[in-house]
Amino acid sequence: MNEQLIEKITKMVVEKLQTSNLKTDDRDNDNKQMPVMLFQETLVGNHFTEEIVRATPDGNVKFFDTALEDKKPKSVNLQASKSKPVIEESNKEAYLADLRKKTPARIVVGRAGTRPKTATWLQFRFDHAAAVDAVYGEVPQEILERLGFLQLHSKVLDKEEYIRRPDLGRRLSDDSKKMVTEKCQRAPRVQIVASNGLSAKALEVNLEDVYLSLEQSLNNLNIEMGTTIYVDKGRVALMDEIGEILQPDVVIILIGERPGLVSAESLSAYICYKPRIGTIEAERMVVSNIHKGGIPPVEAGAYLGTVIQKILKYEASGVSLVKKEG
């Protein structure tokens, strides 16, 4: 478009706007000139060229070429906008120490560069070694003899096979089956079984206290116990085959839990009403985390006696017991 024509048109528009503004609001528009922006049809890069037209007191029009900049929306950090508790530096160490007291997990232990601190790393290695020892260890013979357990074996030959073949840990060896038939009381009210499972250390530390407390609890409740059995390298479902052979009302198996880095000596007690081969897991009950840092062994033994009493009363365990109670 012709530049002279643009100037002429612009001058007319400015004068008309000035006249109109003076009529409507003389006070607000005295000595004010309104800019007029005209846009060319051509593009400069990705932008329209913007020509700002300004009127001067003498009526001449000056043109200024500028390019519109991309106006991108400012990114909003939503995470930063969330309110966070502010901890003063002086109270920070006390706050972290309080967190550490609430859990045995390894939290806020610090680091040296990109690595754990030496003391933290050594403790981790120590706990890991304890977990391995718990799996591959053996229950001291004197404990089993002192408690009068009949000692049997599963079909597992060694620890490596025990880890690879859980199914073999659920069955008694042929010799052990024969011993159960010959030496164990048939059809008792309660049959107690113990096994090292995945932690021999759990039985070494907790078995005596749990068993003696459980025995006393059952005696106080006038509940008959059968011949107490220890099975080396057994699994939880071993109770099914024992239940099939001896036909007790309740079987309880005290077994070493899988060790972790917090505790390698945790014991579990699985209980089932009339377990038989093919019993589903929903029919079993468990009291776990029995150790000095969880449920105290003596307290656990006394509690297990009351659980067995309830199972005998309702003639059910697991989900079936919950339904009958509810």
Protein backbone atom coordinates (compact mmCIF):
# COMPACT_ATOMS: atom_id res chain seq x y z
CA MET A 1 0.00 0.00 0.00
CA ASN A 2 1.20 3.57 -0.82
CA GLU A 3 2.88 5.18 2.19
CA GLN A 4 1.41 8.63 1.43
CA LEU A 5 -2.08 7.16 1.32
CA ILE A 6 -1.47 5.42 4.65
CA GLU A 7 -0.34 8.69 6.18
CA LYS A 8 -3.39 10.51 4.89
CA ILE A 9 -5.84 7.90 6.12
CA THR A 10 -4.15 7.70 9.48
CA LYS A 11 -4.29 11.45 9.93
CA MET A 12 -8.03 11.45 9.25
CA VAL A 13 -8.59 8.61 11.75
CA VAL A 14 -6.56 10.37 14.43
CA GLU A 15 -8.43 13.62 14.01
CA LYS A 16 -11.79 11.87 14.15
CA LEU A 17 -10.80 9.99 17.32
CA GLN A 18 -9.54 13.15 18.94
CA THR A 19 -12.83 14.97 18.20
CA SER A 20 -14.91 12.07 19.49
CA ASN A 21 -12.89 11.76 22.70
CA LEU A 22 -13.10 15.47 23.44
CA LYS A 23 -16.87 15.39 23.19
CA THR A 24 -17.33 12.41 25.50
CA ASP A 25 -14.77 13.18 28.15
CA ASP A 26 -12.96 16.50 27.85
CA ARG A 27 -11.22 16.15 31.22
CA ASP A 28 -9.72 12.72 30.56
CA ASN A 29 -8.61 13.35 27.01
CA ASP A 30 -7.14 16.86 27.13
CA ASN A 31 -3.77 16.94 25.35
CA LYS A 32 -3.82 13.13 24.88
CA GLN A 33 -3.09 11.44 21.54
CA MET A 34 -4.40 7.93 20.88
CA PRO A 35 -2.02 5.53 19.09
CA VAL A 36 -3.38 3.59 16.13
CA MET A 37 -1.88 0.24 15.12
CA LEU A 38 -2.04 -0.97 11.53
CA PHE A 39 -1.00 -4.44 10.50
CA GLN A 40 0.57 -5.41 7.18
CA GLU A 41 -0.58 -8.48 5.35
CA THR A 42 2.98 -9.83 5.08
CA LEU A 43 4.62 -12.04 7.71
CA VAL A 44 8.05 -11.53 9.22
CA GLY A 45 9.24 -14.98 10.29
CA ASN A 46 6.36 -16.32 12.38
CA HIS A 47 5.08 -12.87 13.32
CA PHE A 48 3.06 -10.10 11.77
CA THR A 49 4.92 -6.80 11.39
CA GLU A 50 3.29 -4.29 13.69
CA GLU A 51 3.38 -0.66 12.76
CA ILE A 52 2.64 1.68 15.65
CA VAL A 53 1.29 5.02 14.49
CA ARG A 54 1.69 7.94 16.88
CA ALA A 55 0.18 11.38 16.32
CA THR A 56 2.16 14.48 17.21
CA PRO A 57 0.77 17.89 18.26
CA ASP A 58 1.34 19.25 14.76
CA GLY A 59 -0.69 16.46 13.18
CA ASN A 60 2.21 14.59 11.54
CA VAL A 61 2.32 10.82 11.86
CA LYS A 62 5.48 8.81 12.64
CA PHE A 63 5.81 5.09 11.91
CA PHE A 64 7.79 2.64 14.07
CA ASP A 65 8.34 -0.94 12.81
CA THR A 66 8.42 -3.60 15.53
CA ALA A 67 7.91 -7.38 15.57
CA LEU A 68 5.55 -9.09 17.95
CA GLU A 69 7.40 -11.46 20.24
CA ASP A 70 6.11 -14.93 21.07
CA LYS A 71 4.32 -14.71 24.36
CA LYS A 72 4.65 -18.16 25.85
CA PRO A 73 2.73 -18.90 29.03
CA LYS A 74 4.93 -18.97 32.06
CA SER A 75 5.46 -22.45 33.40
CA VAL A 76 3.91 -22.91 36.79
CA ASN A 77 5.70 -25.13 39.26
CA LEU A 78 2.77 -26.87 40.90
CA GLN A 79 5.08 -28.81 43.19
CA ALA A 80 6.60 -25.63 44.55
CA SER A 81 3.17 -24.12 45.12
CA LYS A 82 2.17 -26.91 47.49
CA SER A 83 2.53 -26.06 51.10
CA LYS A 84 5.38 -27.87 52.82
CA PRO A 85 6.24 -27.97 56.48
CA VAL A 86 9.12 -25.67 57.20
CA ILE A 87 11.66 -27.06 59.64
CA GLU A 88 14.14 -24.71 61.20
CA GLU A 89 17.76 -25.75 60.80
CA SER A 90 18.26 -25.87 64.55
CA ASN A 91 15.42 -28.40 64.92
CA LYS A 92 16.24 -30.43 61.81
CA GLU A 93 18.54 -32.98 63.48
CA ALA A 94 16.07 -33.55 66.32
CA TYR A 95 13.29 -34.04 63.77
CA LEU A 96 15.33 -36.62 61.80
CA ALA A 97 16.35 -38.43 64.98
CA ASP A 98 12.67 -38.71 65.94
CA LEU A 99 11.89 -40.25 62.52
CA ARG A 100 14.65 -42.84 62.95
CA LYS A 101 13.20 -43.89 66.31
CA LYS A 102 9.81 -44.67 64.74
CA THR A 103 11.03 -47.38 62.35
CA PRO A 104 13.79 -49.98 62.17
CA ALA A 105 14.15 -49.19 58.45
CA ARG A 106 17.27 -47.43 57.23
CA ILE A 107 16.03 -43.86 56.75
CA VAL A 108 17.88 -40.51 56.85
CA VAL A 109 21.17 -42.28 57.58
CA GLY A 110 23.16 -39.79 55.50
CA ARG A 111 25.85 -40.45 52.90
CA ALA A 112 29.43 -39.70 52.03
CA GLY A 113 29.34 -38.27 48.50
CA THR A 114 27.34 -40.75 46.43
CA ARG A 115 27.98 -43.66 48.82
CA PRO A 116 26.50 -44.75 52.16
CA LYS A 117 28.52 -43.93 55.24
CA THR A 118 30.95 -46.61 56.35
CA ALA A 119 29.05 -47.50 59.53
CA THR A 120 25.75 -47.77 57.60
CA TRP A 121 27.30 -49.97 54.91
CA LEU A 122 28.96 -52.29 57.44
CA GLN A 123 25.67 -52.67 59.36
CA PHE A 124 23.90 -53.52 56.09
CA ARG A 125 26.51 -56.20 55.31
CA PHE A 126 26.20 -57.58 58.84
CA ASP A 127 22.39 -57.83 58.62
CA HIS A 128 22.60 -59.45 55.19
CA ALA A 129 25.06 -62.03 56.49
CA ALA A 130 22.75 -62.74 59.45
CA ALA A 131 19.85 -63.34 57.04
CA VAL A 132 21.92 -65.82 55.01
CA ASP A 133 23.06 -67.62 58.17
CA ALA A 134 19.43 -67.88 59.32
CA VAL A 135 18.46 -69.70 56.11
CA TYR A 136 21.41 -72.08 56.04
CA GLY A 137 21.74 -72.61 59.79
CA GLU A 138 20.48 -75.50 61.93
CA VAL A 139 18.41 -75.56 65.12
CA PRO A 140 20.62 -76.56 68.09
CA GLN A 141 20.04 -80.20 68.98
CA GLU A 142 19.97 -79.52 72.74
CA ILE A 143 16.87 -77.30 72.44
CA LEU A 144 14.90 -80.00 70.65
CA GLU A 145 15.96 -82.66 73.14
CA ARG A 146 15.19 -80.45 76.13
CA LEU A 147 11.67 -79.82 74.85
CA GLY A 148 11.10 -83.49 74.01
CA PHE A 149 10.32 -83.05 70.29
CA LEU A 150 10.09 -86.12 68.06
CA GLN A 151 12.55 -85.28 65.26
CA LEU A 152 11.49 -85.97 61.67
CA HIS A 153 12.53 -84.92 58.15
CA SER A 154 10.76 -83.70 55.05
CA LYS A 155 11.57 -85.07 51.58
CA VAL A 156 14.17 -82.31 51.12
CA LEU A 157 17.78 -83.53 51.15
CA ASP A 158 19.66 -80.21 51.56
CA LYS A 159 19.12 -76.44 51.80
CA GLU A 160 19.65 -75.79 48.10
CA GLU A 161 16.90 -78.27 47.24
CA TYR A 162 14.72 -76.76 49.96
CA ILE A 163 14.92 -73.35 48.27
CA ARG A 164 14.42 -74.74 44.76
CA ARG A 165 11.69 -77.30 45.57
CA PRO A 166 9.06 -75.95 48.01
CA ASP A 167 6.82 -78.89 47.13
CA LEU A 168 9.24 -81.38 48.73
CA GLY A 169 9.13 -79.42 51.97
CA ARG A 170 5.37 -80.06 52.17
CA ARG A 171 5.78 -83.84 52.47
CA LEU A 172 7.37 -86.09 55.08
CA SER A 173 10.08 -88.53 54.08
CA ASP A 174 9.08 -92.19 53.99
CA ASP A 175 10.97 -92.95 57.21
CA SER A 176 9.32 -90.00 58.96
CA LYS A 177 5.84 -91.15 57.92
CA LYS A 178 6.54 -94.51 59.48
CA MET A 179 7.75 -92.87 62.72
CA VAL A 180 4.63 -90.69 62.91
CA THR A 181 2.40 -93.74 62.54
CA GLU A 182 4.29 -95.71 65.19
CA LYS A 183 5.21 -93.08 67.80
CA CYS A 184 2.63 -90.29 67.68
CA GLN A 185 -0.72 -90.13 69.46
CA ARG A 186 -3.64 -90.37 67.06
CA ALA A 187 -6.60 -88.00 66.96
CA PRO A 188 -5.45 -85.49 69.61
CA ARG A 189 -7.31 -82.24 70.09
CA VAL A 190 -4.20 -80.20 69.20
CA GLN A 191 -1.10 -81.29 67.30
CA ILE A 192 1.95 -79.02 67.69
CA VAL A 193 4.58 -79.08 64.94
CA ALA A 194 7.78 -77.03 64.68
CA SER A 195 10.07 -76.54 61.69
CA ASN A 196 13.10 -74.41 60.92
CA GLY A 197 11.58 -73.26 57.63
CA LEU A 198 13.57 -70.32 56.26
CA SER A 199 15.09 -69.30 59.60
CA ALA A 200 16.72 -71.73 62.01
CA LYS A 201 17.70 -68.70 64.09
CA ALA A 202 14.01 -67.96 64.73
CA LEU A 203 13.56 -71.33 66.44
CA GLU A 204 16.85 -71.10 68.28
CA VAL A 205 15.85 -67.76 69.84
CA ASN A 206 12.07 -68.06 70.23
CA LEU A 207 10.90 -71.68 70.15
CA GLU A 208 11.40 -72.54 73.82
CA ASP A 209 9.55 -69.49 75.16
CA VAL A 210 6.68 -69.80 72.69
CA TYR A 211 6.24 -73.54 73.17
CA LEU A 212 6.34 -73.53 76.98
CA SER A 213 3.90 -70.60 77.11
CA LEU A 214 1.57 -72.30 74.61
CA GLU A 215 1.75 -75.59 76.51
CA GLN A 216 0.82 -73.86 79.76
CA SER A 217 -2.01 -71.96 78.07
CA LEU A 218 -3.52 -75.18 76.63
CA ASN A 219 -3.20 -76.96 79.98
CA ASN A 220 -5.01 -74.11 81.73
CA LEU A 221 -7.78 -74.37 79.14
CA ASN A 222 -7.98 -78.20 79.53
CA ILE A 223 -7.13 -78.75 75.87
CA GLU A 224 -5.33 -82.01 75.13
CA MET A 225 -2.04 -81.96 73.19
CA GLY A 226 -0.62 -84.74 71.02
CA THR A 227 3.01 -85.81 70.52
CA THR A 228 5.06 -82.73 69.72
CA ILE A 229 6.95 -82.98 66.40
CA TYR A 230 9.94 -81.19 64.88
CA VAL A 231 10.37 -81.50 61.10
CA ASP A 232 13.64 -80.43 59.52
CA LYS A 233 13.30 -78.31 56.35
CA GLY A 234 9.52 -78.22 56.40
CA ARG A 235 7.00 -75.87 54.76
CA VAL A 236 3.68 -74.56 56.13
CA ALA A 237 1.53 -77.00 54.14
CA LEU A 238 3.33 -79.89 55.85
CA MET A 239 0.52 -79.61 58.41
CA ASP A 240 -1.86 -81.02 55.79
CA GLU A 241 -0.09 -84.38 55.54
CA ILE A 242 0.36 -84.61 59.32
CA GLY A 243 -3.35 -83.83 59.71
CA GLU A 244 -4.14 -86.56 57.18
CA ILE A 245 -2.12 -89.16 59.10
CA LEU A 246 -2.96 -88.29 62.74
CA GLN A 247 -6.47 -86.81 62.29
CA PRO A 248 -6.17 -84.07 64.99
CA ASP A 249 -8.83 -81.36 65.43
CA VAL A 250 -6.27 -78.55 65.18
CA VAL A 251 -2.71 -78.41 63.87
CA ILE A 252 -0.40 -75.54 64.74
CA ILE A 253 3.03 -75.24 63.11
CA LEU A 254 5.72 -72.94 64.55
CA ILE A 255 8.02 -72.08 61.64
CA GLY A 256 10.88 -69.70 60.90
CA GLU A 257 9.91 -66.78 58.67
CA ARG A 258 11.85 -65.63 55.65
CA PRO A 259 14.60 -63.40 57.14
CA GLY A 260 14.97 -59.76 56.25
CA LEU A 261 17.48 -57.00 56.88
CA VAL A 262 15.55 -55.82 59.96
CA SER A 263 15.13 -59.19 61.65
CA ALA A 264 16.49 -62.65 60.85
CA GLU A 265 14.86 -64.35 63.84
CA SER A 266 11.13 -63.86 63.31
CA LEU A 267 8.80 -66.80 63.99
CA SER A 268 5.30 -67.45 62.64
CA ALA A 269 2.52 -69.70 63.96
CA TYR A 270 0.11 -71.14 61.36
CA ILE A 271 -3.09 -72.75 62.67
CA CYS A 272 -5.73 -74.76 60.84
CA TYR A 273 -8.86 -76.70 61.83
CA LYS A 274 -8.70 -80.30 60.62
CA PRO A 275 -6.16 -79.74 57.84
CA ARG A 276 -6.02 -82.39 55.14
CA ILE A 277 -4.13 -82.70 51.87
CA GLY A 278 -5.72 -80.16 49.51
CA THR A 279 -6.64 -77.63 52.22
CA ILE A 280 -6.73 -74.12 50.74
CA GLU A 281 -4.78 -71.21 52.22
CA ALA A 282 -7.99 -69.36 53.14
CA GLU A 283 -8.60 -71.98 55.83
CA ARG A 284 -5.34 -71.21 57.64
CA MET A 285 -4.68 -68.53 60.25
CA VAL A 286 -1.32 -67.00 61.09
CA VAL A 287 0.23 -65.05 63.95
CA SER A 288 3.50 -63.68 62.58
CA ASN A 289 6.36 -61.40 63.62
CA ILE A 290 7.06 -63.28 66.86
CA HIS A 291 10.43 -62.06 68.15
CA LYS A 292 11.85 -59.59 70.64
CA GLY A 293 11.24 -56.64 68.29
CA GLY A 294 7.68 -57.72 67.44
CA ILE A 295 5.27 -59.86 69.49
CA PRO A 296 7.14 -61.08 72.60
CA PRO A 297 7.48 -64.91 72.46
CA VAL A 298 5.88 -65.59 75.88
CA GLU A 299 2.95 -63.30 75.10
CA ALA A 300 2.54 -64.94 71.69
CA GLY A 301 2.37 -68.45 73.23
CA ALA A 302 -0.37 -67.43 75.66
CA TYR A 303 -2.35 -65.73 72.89
CA LEU A 304 -2.10 -68.76 70.58
CA GLY A 305 -3.81 -70.87 73.27
CA THR A 306 -6.86 -68.56 73.20
CA VAL A 307 -6.94 -68.65 69.39
CA ILE A 308 -6.97 -72.46 69.43
CA GLN A 309 -9.77 -72.41 72.01
CA LYS A 310 -11.85 -70.22 69.68
CA ILE A 311 -11.15 -72.49 66.69
CA LEU A 312 -12.32 -75.54 68.63
CA LYS A 313 -15.42 -73.70 69.81
CA TYR A 314 -16.53 -72.71 66.30
CA GLU A 315 -15.01 -75.75 64.57
CA ALA A 316 -13.53 -73.53 61.88
CA SER A 317 -10.44 -71.50 61.06
CA GLY A 318 -9.41 -68.80 58.60
CA VAL A 319 -12.19 -67.22 56.55
CA SER A 320 -14.72 -69.78 57.79
CA LEU A 321 -14.05 -68.75 61.38
CA VAL A 322 -14.56 -65.07 60.54
CA LYS A 323 -17.90 -65.88 58.93
CA LYS A 324 -19.12 -67.91 61.91
CA GLU A 325 -18.02 -65.25 64.39
CA GLY A 326 -19.53 -62.38 62.43
